[in-house]
Amino acid sequence: MQGSDPAPRYPLAVIVLHWAIAVAVSGLIVLGWWMQTIPKDPVGPRADAYNLHKSIGLSVLLLMVVRLAWRASHRPPQLPPLPLWQARAAHAVHALLYLFMFLDALSGYLGSAVSGFPVKFFGWALPDWAPANAGLKEACSVVHGVSSWALVAAIGVHVVATCYHQWVLHDGLLWRMWPRRAVNLEPKSRAA
């Protein structure tokens, strides 16, 4: 806990990891919607966009493995005093965020691996380890689409709840995951 922080904070490395994943996932969502609008002919621009999406998605998967390893070996900072239902809801939303990010990345990668096309990671072709399988590819596409929408919903709940805690309850919850706390960003007291 630093200075006048009302709640313990995450270590800086975890904060950086959180925001890197948040930025990458936001980019993936935008890129995922946009790339579907690119015409299939000529094939180059659409393939490039899909390969970029896959590369960023695999990067997020690797970052999530690191994040999960940290989480499995460390206790997170204690939440500020909350009603039991809010604490349980916070834990549930975090579990859903992890679930949907892993499900999204794994279904996207598996679907690509069995698509019959090479999977490229920032231009480097990854080894082919599975034969083309149209049925499995279609199933993975469905899972990827559903988990993407579920992830967007979970992110929305997470952001709204964080804003509610920061600007309505003024309990400083946001500062647990913010890189640096400026003096003029102190949470307002409830009496003010």
Protein backbone atom coordinates (compact mmCIF):
# COMPACT_ATOMS: atom_id res chain seq x y z
CA MET A 1 0.00 0.00 0.00
CA GLN A 2 1.45 3.35 -1.00
CA GLY A 3 0.90 6.66 0.73
CA SER A 4 -2.77 7.52 1.16
CA ASP A 5 -4.20 4.78 -1.07
CA PRO A 6 -7.50 3.65 0.47
CA ALA A 7 -7.04 0.09 -0.82
CA PRO A 8 -3.99 -2.11 -1.39
CA ARG A 9 -2.73 -2.08 -4.98
CA TYR A 10 -1.60 -4.70 -7.43
CA PRO A 11 2.14 -4.84 -8.19
CA LEU A 12 3.22 -2.67 -11.12
CA ALA A 13 4.01 -5.69 -13.34
CA VAL A 14 0.43 -6.97 -12.92
CA ILE A 15 -0.98 -3.50 -13.58
CA VAL A 16 1.03 -3.25 -16.82
CA LEU A 17 -0.09 -6.76 -17.81
CA HIS A 18 -3.74 -5.88 -17.12
CA TRP A 19 -3.65 -2.74 -19.26
CA ALA A 20 -1.67 -4.40 -22.05
CA ILE A 21 -4.31 -7.13 -22.24
CA ALA A 22 -7.12 -4.56 -22.05
CA VAL A 23 -5.69 -2.55 -24.94
CA ALA A 24 -4.99 -5.67 -27.02
CA VAL A 25 -8.47 -7.13 -26.43
CA SER A 26 -10.08 -3.80 -27.30
CA GLY A 27 -8.08 -3.75 -30.52
CA LEU A 28 -9.05 -7.36 -31.26
CA ILE A 29 -12.73 -6.54 -30.88
CA VAL A 30 -12.52 -3.60 -33.28
CA LEU A 31 -10.30 -5.50 -35.72
CA GLY A 32 -12.53 -8.58 -35.53
CA TRP A 33 -15.61 -6.63 -36.57
CA TRP A 34 -13.80 -4.57 -39.20
CA MET A 35 -11.93 -7.41 -40.90
CA GLN A 36 -15.19 -9.17 -41.74
CA THR A 37 -16.20 -6.19 -43.88
CA ILE A 38 -13.07 -6.38 -46.06
CA PRO A 39 -13.90 -7.79 -49.52
CA LYS A 40 -12.62 -11.32 -50.15
CA ASP A 41 -11.19 -10.27 -53.50
CA PRO A 42 -8.36 -9.37 -53.71
CA VAL A 43 -7.42 -11.81 -50.98
CA GLY A 44 -4.36 -9.94 -49.60
CA PRO A 45 -5.88 -7.17 -47.42
CA ARG A 46 -8.42 -9.52 -45.82
CA ALA A 47 -5.81 -12.22 -45.18
CA ASP A 48 -3.45 -9.63 -43.69
CA ALA A 49 -6.16 -8.37 -41.33
CA TYR A 50 -7.06 -11.93 -40.26
CA ASN A 51 -3.40 -12.79 -39.69
CA LEU A 52 -2.94 -9.65 -37.58
CA HIS A 53 -6.04 -10.59 -35.57
CA LYS A 54 -4.67 -14.09 -35.02
CA SER A 55 -1.24 -12.76 -34.03
CA ILE A 56 -2.65 -10.33 -31.48
CA GLY A 57 -5.02 -13.04 -30.22
CA LEU A 58 -2.14 -15.49 -29.67
CA SER A 59 -0.21 -12.72 -27.90
CA VAL A 60 -3.18 -12.16 -25.58
CA LEU A 61 -3.34 -15.90 -24.94
CA LEU A 62 0.33 -15.89 -23.88
CA LEU A 63 -0.20 -12.83 -21.67
CA MET A 64 -3.26 -14.49 -20.11
CA VAL A 65 -1.20 -17.59 -19.28
CA VAL A 66 1.29 -15.33 -17.47
CA ARG A 67 -1.57 -13.50 -15.75
CA LEU A 68 -3.23 -16.76 -14.67
CA ALA A 69 0.11 -18.11 -13.38
CA TRP A 70 0.56 -14.97 -11.29
CA ARG A 71 -3.02 -15.20 -10.03
CA ALA A 72 -2.62 -18.88 -9.11
CA SER A 73 0.48 -18.12 -7.04
CA HIS A 74 -0.52 -14.79 -5.44
CA ARG A 75 -3.50 -13.45 -3.59
CA PRO A 76 -4.97 -10.30 -5.12
CA PRO A 77 -5.14 -7.16 -2.98
CA GLN A 78 -8.09 -7.16 -0.64
CA LEU A 79 -11.25 -5.51 -1.90
CA PRO A 80 -12.50 -2.44 -0.04
CA PRO A 81 -15.43 -3.14 2.27
CA LEU A 82 -18.32 -4.26 0.02
CA PRO A 83 -21.66 -5.92 0.54
CA LEU A 84 -21.28 -9.69 0.14
CA TRP A 85 -23.26 -9.76 -3.11
CA GLN A 86 -20.94 -7.15 -4.68
CA ALA A 87 -17.81 -9.06 -3.65
CA ARG A 88 -19.27 -12.26 -5.09
CA ALA A 89 -20.33 -10.46 -8.27
CA ALA A 90 -16.81 -9.02 -8.64
CA HIS A 91 -15.26 -12.47 -8.33
CA ALA A 92 -17.80 -13.94 -10.76
CA VAL A 93 -17.17 -11.23 -13.39
CA HIS A 94 -13.41 -11.70 -13.09
CA ALA A 95 -13.82 -15.48 -13.49
CA LEU A 96 -15.98 -14.89 -16.58
CA LEU A 97 -13.40 -12.50 -18.04
CA TYR A 98 -10.70 -15.17 -17.68
CA LEU A 99 -13.00 -17.90 -19.03
CA PHE A 100 -14.12 -15.95 -22.10
CA MET A 101 -10.64 -14.65 -22.93
CA PHE A 102 -9.20 -18.17 -22.85
CA LEU A 103 -12.19 -19.66 -24.68
CA ASP A 104 -12.04 -16.95 -27.33
CA ALA A 105 -8.31 -17.29 -27.93
CA LEU A 106 -8.27 -21.10 -27.87
CA SER A 107 -11.30 -21.49 -30.15
CA GLY A 108 -9.85 -18.92 -32.55
CA TYR A 109 -6.49 -20.66 -32.65
CA LEU A 110 -7.93 -24.19 -32.94
CA GLY A 111 -10.31 -23.08 -35.69
CA SER A 112 -7.38 -21.54 -37.56
CA ALA A 113 -5.20 -24.62 -37.05
CA VAL A 114 -7.81 -26.90 -38.67
CA SER A 115 -8.83 -24.43 -41.40
CA GLY A 116 -6.40 -25.76 -43.99
CA PHE A 117 -4.56 -22.43 -44.11
CA PRO A 118 -1.27 -21.69 -42.35
CA VAL A 119 -1.47 -19.90 -39.02
CA LYS A 120 0.95 -16.98 -39.03
CA PHE A 121 2.27 -15.24 -35.95
CA PHE A 122 3.34 -11.75 -37.05
CA GLY A 123 4.44 -13.16 -40.42
CA TRP A 124 6.00 -16.41 -39.22
CA ALA A 125 4.12 -19.54 -40.19
CA LEU A 126 3.51 -21.76 -37.16
CA PRO A 127 3.94 -25.53 -37.59
CA ASP A 128 0.92 -27.40 -38.94
CA TRP A 129 -0.08 -29.95 -36.33
CA ALA A 130 -3.64 -30.78 -37.35
CA PRO A 131 -5.24 -31.72 -40.67
CA ALA A 132 -7.98 -29.59 -42.17
CA ASN A 133 -11.35 -30.35 -40.62
CA ALA A 134 -14.29 -28.29 -41.90
CA GLY A 135 -16.70 -29.50 -39.19
CA LEU A 136 -14.35 -28.70 -36.32
CA LYS A 137 -13.46 -25.37 -37.92
CA GLU A 138 -17.16 -24.43 -38.10
CA ALA A 139 -17.73 -25.48 -34.46
CA CYS A 140 -14.73 -23.40 -33.37
CA SER A 141 -16.07 -20.43 -35.34
CA VAL A 142 -19.39 -20.67 -33.50
CA VAL A 143 -17.66 -20.92 -30.11
CA HIS A 144 -15.36 -18.02 -31.05
CA GLY A 145 -18.31 -15.83 -32.08
CA VAL A 146 -20.38 -16.60 -28.98
CA SER A 147 -17.44 -16.24 -26.59
CA SER A 148 -16.50 -12.93 -28.25
CA TRP A 149 -19.94 -11.48 -27.56
CA ALA A 150 -19.92 -12.90 -24.02
CA LEU A 151 -16.49 -11.33 -23.47
CA VAL A 152 -17.77 -7.95 -24.68
CA ALA A 153 -20.67 -8.23 -22.21
CA ALA A 154 -18.36 -9.19 -19.32
CA ILE A 155 -16.01 -6.31 -20.18
CA GLY A 156 -19.00 -3.95 -20.20
CA VAL A 157 -20.10 -5.10 -16.73
CA HIS A 158 -16.51 -4.80 -15.48
CA VAL A 159 -16.11 -1.24 -16.81
CA VAL A 160 -19.52 -0.07 -15.57
CA ALA A 161 -18.90 -1.54 -12.10
CA THR A 162 -15.46 0.10 -11.94
CA CYS A 163 -16.93 3.47 -12.94
CA TYR A 164 -19.70 3.06 -10.35
CA HIS A 165 -17.14 2.39 -7.61
CA GLN A 166 -14.88 5.23 -8.72
CA TRP A 167 -17.38 8.00 -9.38
CA VAL A 168 -20.44 7.08 -7.32
CA LEU A 169 -19.10 5.22 -4.28
CA HIS A 170 -15.69 6.99 -4.34
CA ASP A 171 -14.10 3.93 -2.71
CA GLY A 172 -10.85 4.09 -4.71
CA LEU A 173 -11.31 0.66 -6.25
CA LEU A 174 -9.92 1.82 -9.60
CA TRP A 175 -6.60 2.77 -8.03
CA ARG A 176 -5.86 -0.89 -7.25
CA MET A 177 -5.17 -1.37 -10.98
CA TRP A 178 -3.95 2.09 -12.03
CA PRO A 179 -0.24 2.54 -12.80
CA ARG A 180 0.31 5.70 -10.78
CA ARG A 181 -1.83 7.60 -8.39
CA ALA A 182 -1.67 11.37 -8.81
CA VAL A 183 -2.45 13.62 -5.86
CA ASN A 184 -5.29 15.37 -7.70
CA LEU A 185 -6.96 12.02 -8.40
CA GLU A 186 -7.69 11.23 -4.76
CA PRO A 187 -11.15 9.73 -4.29
CA LYS A 188 -13.64 12.15 -2.80
CA SER A 189 -14.89 11.43 0.66
CA ARG A 190 -18.51 10.35 0.91
CA ALA A 191 -19.28 13.36 3.09
CA ALA A 192 -18.20 15.82 0.41
